[in-house]
C-alpha cells in the first residue's frame, strides 16, 4: 500500500499543477457597420427620384415612402439583405402592401441636377417600379447643387 501511495502522490501533484484545458476562443463577431458603396447602412438613408417625384427614407425605425400626389406609406425596417454590391429592404406596410427598396453600389445621377450619388435605387411599390439615386441623409443635406454627394469626414 505504501508503494502505491509513493507512486500516485507525484502523479496527483503534477495533475494539480498542470494548466486546465483551454476552451477554444469564440470567433470574433464583426460589429463594423455594413457599408455599400461607401454608405453606412446603419445610418439614415434617402432614396429619391423624379418623374414622378418620390422619396424613401430608410431609418433604423422604418421605411417611409412619399410621392407627389401619392399617399405616404410606412413599414418597419427589416434590415438589409446584403449580396455583393446590392442591399435589399423588403417590407410590408400596415395595410399589407409590399415595399421593396433595392440599393446598388453604382454611381447615379438624378437627371435633374449636377449631383452624383454613390448608390442607385430601385423601389417597387403598388405594382410600380421607380428608379432613382440614394445616399446617406447627412450627405444629401450637406451636398451642394453639383458634385458628388458624400458625407463630410
N, C-alpha and C. Protein backbone atom coordinates (compact mmCIF):
# COMPACT_ATOMS: atom_id res chain seq x y z
N UNK A 1 0.83 -1.18 0.00
CA UNK A 1 0.00 0.00 0.00
C UNK A 1 0.87 1.24 0.00
N UNK A 2 1.96 1.17 0.75
CA UNK A 2 2.87 2.29 0.82
C UNK A 2 3.48 2.57 -0.54
N UNK A 3 3.76 1.54 -1.32
CA UNK A 3 4.32 1.67 -2.66
C UNK A 3 3.34 2.39 -3.61
N UNK A 4 2.08 2.07 -3.49
CA UNK A 4 1.07 2.72 -4.33
C UNK A 4 0.98 4.20 -3.98
N UNK A 5 1.03 4.51 -2.69
CA UNK A 5 0.97 5.91 -2.27
C UNK A 5 2.17 6.68 -2.78
N UNK A 6 3.36 6.07 -2.79
CA UNK A 6 4.56 6.74 -3.28
C UNK A 6 4.49 6.97 -4.79
N UNK A 7 3.84 6.09 -5.51
CA UNK A 7 3.75 6.23 -6.97
C UNK A 7 2.66 7.23 -7.35
N UNK A 8 1.51 7.18 -6.71
CA UNK A 8 0.39 8.04 -7.10
C UNK A 8 0.53 9.47 -6.60
N UNK A 9 1.24 9.71 -5.51
CA UNK A 9 1.37 11.07 -4.97
C UNK A 9 1.99 12.02 -5.98
N UNK A 10 3.13 11.69 -6.63
CA UNK A 10 3.69 12.62 -7.61
C UNK A 10 2.76 12.85 -8.80
N UNK A 11 2.04 11.83 -9.19
CA UNK A 11 1.11 11.98 -10.33
C UNK A 11 0.02 12.96 -9.97
N UNK A 12 -0.52 12.85 -8.76
CA UNK A 12 -1.58 13.77 -8.33
C UNK A 12 -1.05 15.21 -8.22
N UNK A 13 0.18 15.37 -7.72
CA UNK A 13 0.78 16.69 -7.61
C UNK A 13 0.96 17.30 -8.99
N UNK A 14 1.45 16.52 -9.95
CA UNK A 14 1.62 17.03 -11.31
C UNK A 14 0.29 17.39 -11.96
N UNK A 15 -0.71 16.58 -11.72
CA UNK A 15 -2.03 16.85 -12.29
C UNK A 15 -2.60 18.15 -11.74
N UNK A 16 -2.36 18.41 -10.46
CA UNK A 16 -2.88 19.65 -9.85
C UNK A 16 -2.16 20.87 -10.37
N UNK A 17 -0.90 20.73 -10.78
CA UNK A 17 -0.12 21.87 -11.26
C UNK A 17 -0.28 22.12 -12.75
N UNK A 18 -0.79 21.16 -13.47
CA UNK A 18 -0.88 21.35 -14.91
C UNK A 18 -2.01 22.33 -15.23
N UNK A 19 -1.86 23.09 -16.31
CA UNK A 19 -2.91 24.07 -16.64
C UNK A 19 -4.20 23.36 -17.02
N UNK A 20 -5.30 24.03 -16.73
CA UNK A 20 -6.59 23.44 -17.08
C UNK A 20 -6.75 23.45 -18.60
N UNK A 21 -7.53 22.53 -19.11
CA UNK A 21 -7.70 22.50 -20.57
C UNK A 21 -8.27 23.82 -21.06
N UNK A 22 -7.73 24.31 -22.14
CA UNK A 22 -8.17 25.58 -22.72
C UNK A 22 -9.44 25.36 -23.53
N UNK A 23 -10.40 26.23 -23.31
CA UNK A 23 -11.58 26.19 -24.17
C UNK A 23 -11.28 27.06 -25.37
N UNK A 24 -11.68 26.62 -26.54
CA UNK A 24 -11.39 27.43 -27.72
C UNK A 24 -12.09 28.78 -27.62
N UNK A 25 -11.40 29.81 -28.11
CA UNK A 25 -12.00 31.15 -28.09
C UNK A 25 -13.13 31.22 -29.09
N UNK A 26 -14.17 31.93 -28.71
CA UNK A 26 -15.29 32.12 -29.64
C UNK A 26 -14.82 33.02 -30.77
N UNK A 27 -15.31 32.78 -31.97
CA UNK A 27 -14.89 33.63 -33.08
C UNK A 27 -15.33 35.07 -32.83
N UNK A 28 -14.52 35.99 -33.28
CA UNK A 28 -14.84 37.42 -33.11
C UNK A 28 -16.08 37.76 -33.93
N UNK A 29 -16.95 38.55 -33.34
CA UNK A 29 -18.16 38.98 -34.04
C UNK A 29 -17.86 40.31 -34.71
N UNK A 30 -18.19 40.39 -35.98
CA UNK A 30 -17.95 41.62 -36.74
C UNK A 30 -19.04 42.63 -36.39
N UNK A 31 -18.65 43.69 -35.68
CA UNK A 31 -19.61 44.72 -35.29
C UNK A 31 -19.44 45.98 -36.13
N UNK A 32 -18.64 45.88 -37.17
CA UNK A 32 -18.47 47.05 -38.03
C UNK A 32 -19.75 47.26 -38.84
N UNK A 33 -20.04 48.50 -39.18
CA UNK A 33 -21.27 48.78 -39.92
C UNK A 33 -21.20 48.19 -41.33
N UNK A 34 -22.36 47.83 -41.84
CA UNK A 34 -22.44 47.34 -43.21
C UNK A 34 -22.29 48.52 -44.15
N UNK A 35 -21.32 48.46 -45.03
CA UNK A 35 -21.09 49.53 -46.00
C UNK A 35 -21.47 49.05 -47.39
N UNK A 36 -22.10 49.93 -48.13
CA UNK A 36 -22.44 49.66 -49.52
C UNK A 36 -22.10 50.92 -50.31
N UNK A 37 -21.15 50.81 -51.20
CA UNK A 37 -20.74 51.98 -51.97
C UNK A 37 -20.22 53.10 -51.09
N UNK A 38 -19.65 52.75 -49.93
CA UNK A 38 -19.14 53.75 -49.00
C UNK A 38 -20.21 54.34 -48.09
N UNK A 39 -21.45 53.87 -48.20
CA UNK A 39 -22.55 54.38 -47.38
C UNK A 39 -22.80 53.40 -46.23
N UNK A 40 -22.82 53.94 -45.01
CA UNK A 40 -23.08 53.16 -43.81
C UNK A 40 -24.58 52.87 -43.74
N UNK A 41 -24.96 51.61 -43.92
CA UNK A 41 -26.38 51.24 -43.97
C UNK A 41 -27.05 51.27 -42.60
N UNK A 42 -26.29 51.46 -41.53
CA UNK A 42 -26.91 51.55 -40.21
C UNK A 42 -27.37 52.97 -39.90
N UNK A 43 -27.02 53.92 -40.75
CA UNK A 43 -27.42 55.32 -40.57
C UNK A 43 -28.56 55.65 -41.53
N UNK A 44 -29.32 56.72 -41.26
CA UNK A 44 -30.43 57.08 -42.14
C UNK A 44 -29.98 57.32 -43.59
N UNK A 45 -30.77 56.80 -44.51
CA UNK A 45 -30.50 56.89 -45.95
C UNK A 45 -31.75 57.44 -46.63
N UNK A 46 -31.53 58.18 -47.69
CA UNK A 46 -32.67 58.65 -48.50
C UNK A 46 -32.46 58.20 -49.94
N UNK A 47 -33.49 57.57 -50.48
CA UNK A 47 -33.54 57.25 -51.90
C UNK A 47 -34.53 58.21 -52.51
N UNK A 48 -34.23 58.72 -53.70
CA UNK A 48 -35.11 59.71 -54.31
C UNK A 48 -35.08 59.62 -55.83
N UNK A 49 -36.14 60.09 -56.43
CA UNK A 49 -36.22 60.07 -57.88
C UNK A 49 -37.21 61.10 -58.38
N UNK A 50 -37.28 61.22 -59.69
CA UNK A 50 -38.21 62.18 -60.28
C UNK A 50 -38.93 61.54 -61.45
N UNK A 51 -39.96 62.25 -61.88
CA UNK A 51 -40.83 61.79 -62.97
C UNK A 51 -41.38 60.41 -62.71
N UNK A 52 -42.21 60.22 -61.71
CA UNK A 52 -42.73 61.20 -60.75
C UNK A 52 -41.76 61.42 -59.59
N UNK A 53 -41.91 62.55 -58.90
CA UNK A 53 -41.07 62.83 -57.74
C UNK A 53 -41.48 61.91 -56.59
N UNK A 54 -40.49 61.27 -55.98
CA UNK A 54 -40.73 60.36 -54.87
C UNK A 54 -39.49 60.31 -53.99
N UNK A 55 -39.66 59.80 -52.79
CA UNK A 55 -38.53 59.60 -51.87
C UNK A 55 -38.88 58.49 -50.90
N UNK A 56 -37.86 57.77 -50.47
CA UNK A 56 -38.00 56.78 -49.41
C UNK A 56 -36.90 57.08 -48.38
N UNK A 57 -37.32 57.28 -47.15
CA UNK A 57 -36.36 57.44 -46.06
C UNK A 57 -36.22 56.10 -45.38
N UNK A 58 -34.97 55.67 -45.22
CA UNK A 58 -34.68 54.41 -44.56
C UNK A 58 -33.97 54.76 -43.25
N UNK A 59 -34.65 54.51 -42.15
CA UNK A 59 -34.07 54.76 -40.83
C UNK A 59 -34.10 53.45 -40.05
N UNK A 60 -33.39 53.37 -38.93
CA UNK A 60 -33.46 52.14 -38.14
C UNK A 60 -34.90 51.80 -37.71
N UNK A 61 -35.75 52.81 -37.57
CA UNK A 61 -37.11 52.58 -37.13
C UNK A 61 -38.04 52.12 -38.26
N UNK A 62 -37.78 52.53 -39.49
CA UNK A 62 -38.70 52.14 -40.55
C UNK A 62 -38.36 52.71 -41.91
N UNK A 63 -39.19 52.33 -42.88
CA UNK A 63 -39.12 52.83 -44.24
C UNK A 63 -40.33 53.74 -44.45
N UNK A 64 -40.11 54.92 -44.99
CA UNK A 64 -41.20 55.87 -45.22
C UNK A 64 -41.15 56.28 -46.69
N UNK A 65 -42.18 55.90 -47.44
CA UNK A 65 -42.29 56.26 -48.85
C UNK A 65 -43.22 57.46 -48.96
N UNK A 66 -42.83 58.44 -49.78
CA UNK A 66 -43.69 59.59 -50.05
C UNK A 66 -43.51 59.98 -51.51
N UNK A 67 -44.58 60.37 -52.14
CA UNK A 67 -44.53 60.81 -53.53
C UNK A 67 -45.52 61.92 -53.76
N UNK A 68 -45.29 62.68 -54.82
CA UNK A 68 -46.21 63.75 -55.17
C UNK A 68 -47.56 63.12 -55.55
N UNK A 69 -48.62 63.62 -54.94
CA UNK A 69 -49.98 63.13 -55.17
C UNK A 69 -50.13 61.64 -54.88
N UNK A 70 -49.35 61.15 -53.94
CA UNK A 70 -49.43 59.75 -53.55
C UNK A 70 -49.47 59.68 -52.03
N UNK A 71 -50.18 58.72 -51.48
CA UNK A 71 -50.22 58.63 -50.02
C UNK A 71 -48.89 58.14 -49.45
N UNK A 72 -48.55 58.68 -48.30
CA UNK A 72 -47.35 58.22 -47.59
C UNK A 72 -47.58 56.78 -47.13
N UNK A 73 -46.54 55.97 -47.23
CA UNK A 73 -46.63 54.59 -46.75
C UNK A 73 -45.45 54.33 -45.83
N UNK A 74 -45.75 53.67 -44.71
CA UNK A 74 -44.72 53.36 -43.71
C UNK A 74 -44.66 51.86 -43.49
N UNK A 75 -43.45 51.38 -43.22
CA UNK A 75 -43.25 49.97 -42.91
C UNK A 75 -42.09 49.85 -41.94
N UNK A 76 -42.10 48.80 -41.14
CA UNK A 76 -40.97 48.54 -40.25
C UNK A 76 -39.74 48.25 -41.09
N UNK A 77 -38.58 48.59 -40.57
CA UNK A 77 -37.32 48.32 -41.27
C UNK A 77 -36.86 46.91 -40.91
N UNK A 78 -36.88 45.99 -41.88
CA UNK A 78 -36.45 44.63 -41.59
C UNK A 78 -34.93 44.48 -41.61
N UNK A 79 -34.23 45.54 -41.98
CA UNK A 79 -32.78 45.47 -42.16
C UNK A 79 -32.48 45.00 -43.57
N UNK A 80 -31.31 45.35 -44.05
CA UNK A 80 -30.98 44.98 -45.43
C UNK A 80 -30.50 43.54 -45.55
N UNK A 81 -30.79 42.95 -46.69
CA UNK A 81 -30.19 41.68 -47.06
C UNK A 81 -29.09 42.04 -48.05
N UNK A 82 -27.85 41.80 -47.66
CA UNK A 82 -26.70 42.18 -48.49
C UNK A 82 -26.25 41.00 -49.33
N UNK A 83 -26.03 41.30 -50.62
CA UNK A 83 -25.49 40.28 -51.51
C UNK A 83 -24.62 41.01 -52.53
N UNK A 84 -23.32 40.85 -52.37
CA UNK A 84 -22.38 41.52 -53.28
C UNK A 84 -22.50 43.02 -53.18
N UNK A 85 -22.84 43.66 -54.30
CA UNK A 85 -22.95 45.11 -54.36
C UNK A 85 -24.40 45.59 -54.26
N UNK A 86 -25.24 44.77 -53.65
CA UNK A 86 -26.66 45.08 -53.55
C UNK A 86 -27.16 44.90 -52.12
N UNK A 87 -28.04 45.80 -51.70
CA UNK A 87 -28.74 45.68 -50.41
C UNK A 87 -30.23 45.79 -50.70
N UNK A 88 -31.01 44.86 -50.16
CA UNK A 88 -32.45 44.85 -50.40
C UNK A 88 -33.18 44.93 -49.07
N UNK A 89 -34.11 45.90 -49.01
CA UNK A 89 -35.03 46.04 -47.88
C UNK A 89 -36.40 45.62 -48.40
N UNK A 90 -36.93 44.51 -47.91
CA UNK A 90 -38.24 44.03 -48.33
C UNK A 90 -39.18 44.09 -47.13
N UNK A 91 -40.17 44.96 -47.20
CA UNK A 91 -41.05 45.19 -46.07
C UNK A 91 -42.51 45.17 -46.52
N UNK A 92 -43.39 45.16 -45.54
CA UNK A 92 -44.82 45.24 -45.79
C UNK A 92 -45.38 46.34 -44.91
N UNK A 93 -46.19 47.23 -45.52
CA UNK A 93 -46.73 48.32 -44.71
C UNK A 93 -47.92 47.83 -43.88
N UNK A 94 -48.53 48.72 -43.14
CA UNK A 94 -49.63 48.37 -42.24
C UNK A 94 -50.85 47.81 -42.93
N UNK A 95 -51.03 48.08 -44.20
CA UNK A 95 -52.19 47.56 -44.93
C UNK A 95 -51.85 46.32 -45.74
N UNK A 96 -50.63 45.80 -45.55
CA UNK A 96 -50.25 44.56 -46.23
C UNK A 96 -49.64 44.74 -47.61
N UNK A 97 -49.39 45.99 -48.02
CA UNK A 97 -48.77 46.23 -49.32
C UNK A 97 -47.25 46.10 -49.21
N UNK A 98 -46.66 45.50 -50.23
CA UNK A 98 -45.21 45.31 -50.23
C UNK A 98 -44.50 46.60 -50.62
N UNK A 99 -43.38 46.83 -49.98
CA UNK A 99 -42.47 47.93 -50.30
C UNK A 99 -41.08 47.33 -50.34
N UNK A 100 -40.47 47.38 -51.51
CA UNK A 100 -39.13 46.79 -51.67
C UNK A 100 -38.20 47.87 -52.20
N UNK A 101 -37.11 48.09 -51.47
CA UNK A 101 -36.10 49.07 -51.86
C UNK A 101 -34.80 48.31 -52.11
N UNK A 102 -34.27 48.46 -53.31
CA UNK A 102 -33.00 47.83 -53.67
C UNK A 102 -31.98 48.94 -53.89
N UNK A 103 -30.87 48.87 -53.17
CA UNK A 103 -29.78 49.83 -53.32
C UNK A 103 -28.62 49.10 -53.99
N UNK A 104 -28.05 49.72 -55.00
CA UNK A 104 -26.97 49.11 -55.77
C UNK A 104 -25.76 50.05 -55.73
N UNK A 105 -24.60 49.49 -55.45
CA UNK A 105 -23.38 50.29 -55.32
C UNK A 105 -22.85 50.67 -56.70
N UNK A 106 -23.58 51.56 -57.36
CA UNK A 106 -23.13 52.16 -58.63
C UNK A 106 -23.46 53.64 -58.58
N UNK A 107 -22.58 54.45 -59.13
CA UNK A 107 -22.83 55.90 -59.13
C UNK A 107 -24.10 56.20 -59.91
N UNK A 108 -24.75 57.27 -59.50
CA UNK A 108 -26.06 57.59 -60.06
C UNK A 108 -26.22 59.10 -60.18
N UNK A 109 -26.83 59.54 -61.27
CA UNK A 109 -27.20 60.94 -61.45
C UNK A 109 -28.72 61.00 -61.47
N UNK A 110 -29.29 61.97 -60.77
CA UNK A 110 -30.74 62.05 -60.72
C UNK A 110 -31.35 62.63 -61.99
N UNK A 111 -30.53 63.09 -62.91
CA UNK A 111 -31.03 63.59 -64.19
C UNK A 111 -31.53 65.02 -64.17
N UNK A 112 -31.67 65.61 -62.99
CA UNK A 112 -32.18 66.97 -62.92
C UNK A 112 -31.16 67.94 -62.31
N UNK A 113 -30.18 67.42 -61.62
CA UNK A 113 -29.17 68.27 -61.02
C UNK A 113 -27.81 67.80 -61.50
N UNK A 114 -26.79 68.47 -61.05
CA UNK A 114 -25.44 68.04 -61.38
C UNK A 114 -24.82 67.23 -60.26
N UNK A 115 -25.67 66.66 -59.42
CA UNK A 115 -25.20 65.84 -58.31
C UNK A 115 -24.93 64.41 -58.77
N UNK A 116 -23.94 63.78 -58.13
CA UNK A 116 -23.64 62.37 -58.36
C UNK A 116 -23.74 61.65 -57.03
N UNK A 117 -24.61 60.64 -56.96
CA UNK A 117 -24.87 59.90 -55.74
C UNK A 117 -24.08 58.59 -55.74
N UNK A 118 -23.76 58.04 -54.57
CA UNK A 118 -22.97 56.81 -54.51
C UNK A 118 -23.78 55.53 -54.78
N UNK A 119 -25.12 55.64 -54.71
CA UNK A 119 -25.95 54.45 -54.88
C UNK A 119 -27.06 54.69 -55.89
N UNK A 120 -27.41 53.64 -56.62
CA UNK A 120 -28.58 53.64 -57.48
C UNK A 120 -29.70 52.96 -56.69
N UNK A 121 -30.92 53.47 -56.80
CA UNK A 121 -32.05 52.93 -56.05
C UNK A 121 -33.16 52.47 -56.99
N UNK A 122 -33.76 51.35 -56.61
CA UNK A 122 -34.95 50.85 -57.31
C UNK A 122 -36.00 50.58 -56.23
N UNK A 123 -37.19 51.15 -56.40
CA UNK A 123 -38.27 50.98 -55.43
C UNK A 123 -39.44 50.32 -56.13
N UNK A 124 -39.93 49.26 -55.53
CA UNK A 124 -41.11 48.57 -56.04
C UNK A 124 -42.23 48.75 -55.04
N UNK A 125 -43.31 49.39 -55.51
CA UNK A 125 -44.44 49.69 -54.63
C UNK A 125 -45.71 49.76 -55.48
N UNK A 126 -46.79 49.18 -54.98
CA UNK A 126 -48.08 49.21 -55.67
C UNK A 126 -47.99 48.79 -57.13
N UNK A 127 -47.19 47.80 -57.44
CA UNK A 127 -47.07 47.30 -58.80
C UNK A 127 -46.27 48.20 -59.72
N UNK A 128 -45.61 49.20 -59.17
CA UNK A 128 -44.83 50.14 -59.95
C UNK A 128 -43.36 50.04 -59.56
N UNK A 129 -42.47 50.22 -60.52
CA UNK A 129 -41.04 50.24 -60.25
C UNK A 129 -40.52 51.64 -60.52
N UNK A 130 -39.89 52.22 -59.52
CA UNK A 130 -39.35 53.58 -59.61
C UNK A 130 -37.83 53.51 -59.55
N UNK A 131 -37.16 54.26 -60.38
CA UNK A 131 -35.69 54.29 -60.40
C UNK A 131 -35.21 55.65 -59.91
N UNK A 132 -34.10 55.63 -59.18
CA UNK A 132 -33.54 56.87 -58.67
C UNK A 132 -32.16 56.65 -58.08
N UNK A 133 -31.79 57.53 -57.17
CA UNK A 133 -30.46 57.51 -56.55
C UNK A 133 -30.62 57.50 -55.04
N UNK A 134 -29.50 57.22 -54.34
CA UNK A 134 -29.56 57.21 -52.88
C UNK A 134 -28.21 57.57 -52.28
N UNK A 135 -28.27 58.06 -51.05
CA UNK A 135 -27.08 58.40 -50.26
C UNK A 135 -27.53 58.54 -48.81
N UNK A 136 -26.59 58.72 -47.92
CA UNK A 136 -26.98 58.96 -46.53
C UNK A 136 -27.69 60.30 -46.45
N UNK A 137 -28.59 60.43 -45.52
CA UNK A 137 -29.31 61.70 -45.37
C UNK A 137 -28.35 62.82 -45.04
N UNK A 138 -27.35 62.53 -44.23
CA UNK A 138 -26.36 63.56 -43.87
C UNK A 138 -25.63 64.05 -45.11
N UNK A 139 -25.27 63.15 -46.01
CA UNK A 139 -24.57 63.55 -47.23
C UNK A 139 -25.47 64.39 -48.12
N UNK A 140 -26.73 64.00 -48.24
CA UNK A 140 -27.67 64.76 -49.08
C UNK A 140 -27.89 66.16 -48.50
N UNK A 141 -28.06 66.25 -47.18
CA UNK A 141 -28.30 67.55 -46.54
C UNK A 141 -27.09 68.46 -46.65
N UNK A 142 -25.90 67.88 -46.70
CA UNK A 142 -24.69 68.69 -46.75
C UNK A 142 -24.16 68.93 -48.15
N UNK A 143 -24.82 68.36 -49.16
CA UNK A 143 -24.32 68.47 -50.54
C UNK A 143 -24.69 69.81 -51.16
N UNK A 144 -23.86 70.23 -52.07
CA UNK A 144 -24.15 71.44 -52.83
C UNK A 144 -25.05 71.12 -54.01
N UNK A 145 -25.21 72.07 -54.90
CA UNK A 145 -26.06 71.89 -56.07
C UNK A 145 -25.43 71.01 -57.14
N UNK A 146 -24.13 70.77 -57.01
CA UNK A 146 -23.46 69.91 -58.01
C UNK A 146 -22.34 69.15 -57.31
N UNK A 147 -21.83 68.16 -58.00
CA UNK A 147 -20.72 67.38 -57.48
C UNK A 147 -21.19 66.11 -56.79
N UNK A 148 -20.24 65.45 -56.16
CA UNK A 148 -20.52 64.20 -55.50
C UNK A 148 -21.25 64.42 -54.18
N UNK A 149 -22.22 63.55 -53.93
CA UNK A 149 -22.96 63.58 -52.67
C UNK A 149 -22.27 62.58 -51.75
N UNK A 150 -21.40 63.10 -50.89
CA UNK A 150 -20.66 62.26 -49.94
C UNK A 150 -20.70 62.92 -48.57
N UNK A 151 -20.62 62.08 -47.56
CA UNK A 151 -20.63 62.58 -46.20
C UNK A 151 -19.28 63.22 -45.87
N UNK A 152 -19.31 64.37 -45.22
CA UNK A 152 -18.08 65.04 -44.80
C UNK A 152 -17.44 64.24 -43.69
N UNK A 153 -16.12 64.16 -43.72
CA UNK A 153 -15.41 63.40 -42.67
C UNK A 153 -15.26 64.21 -41.43
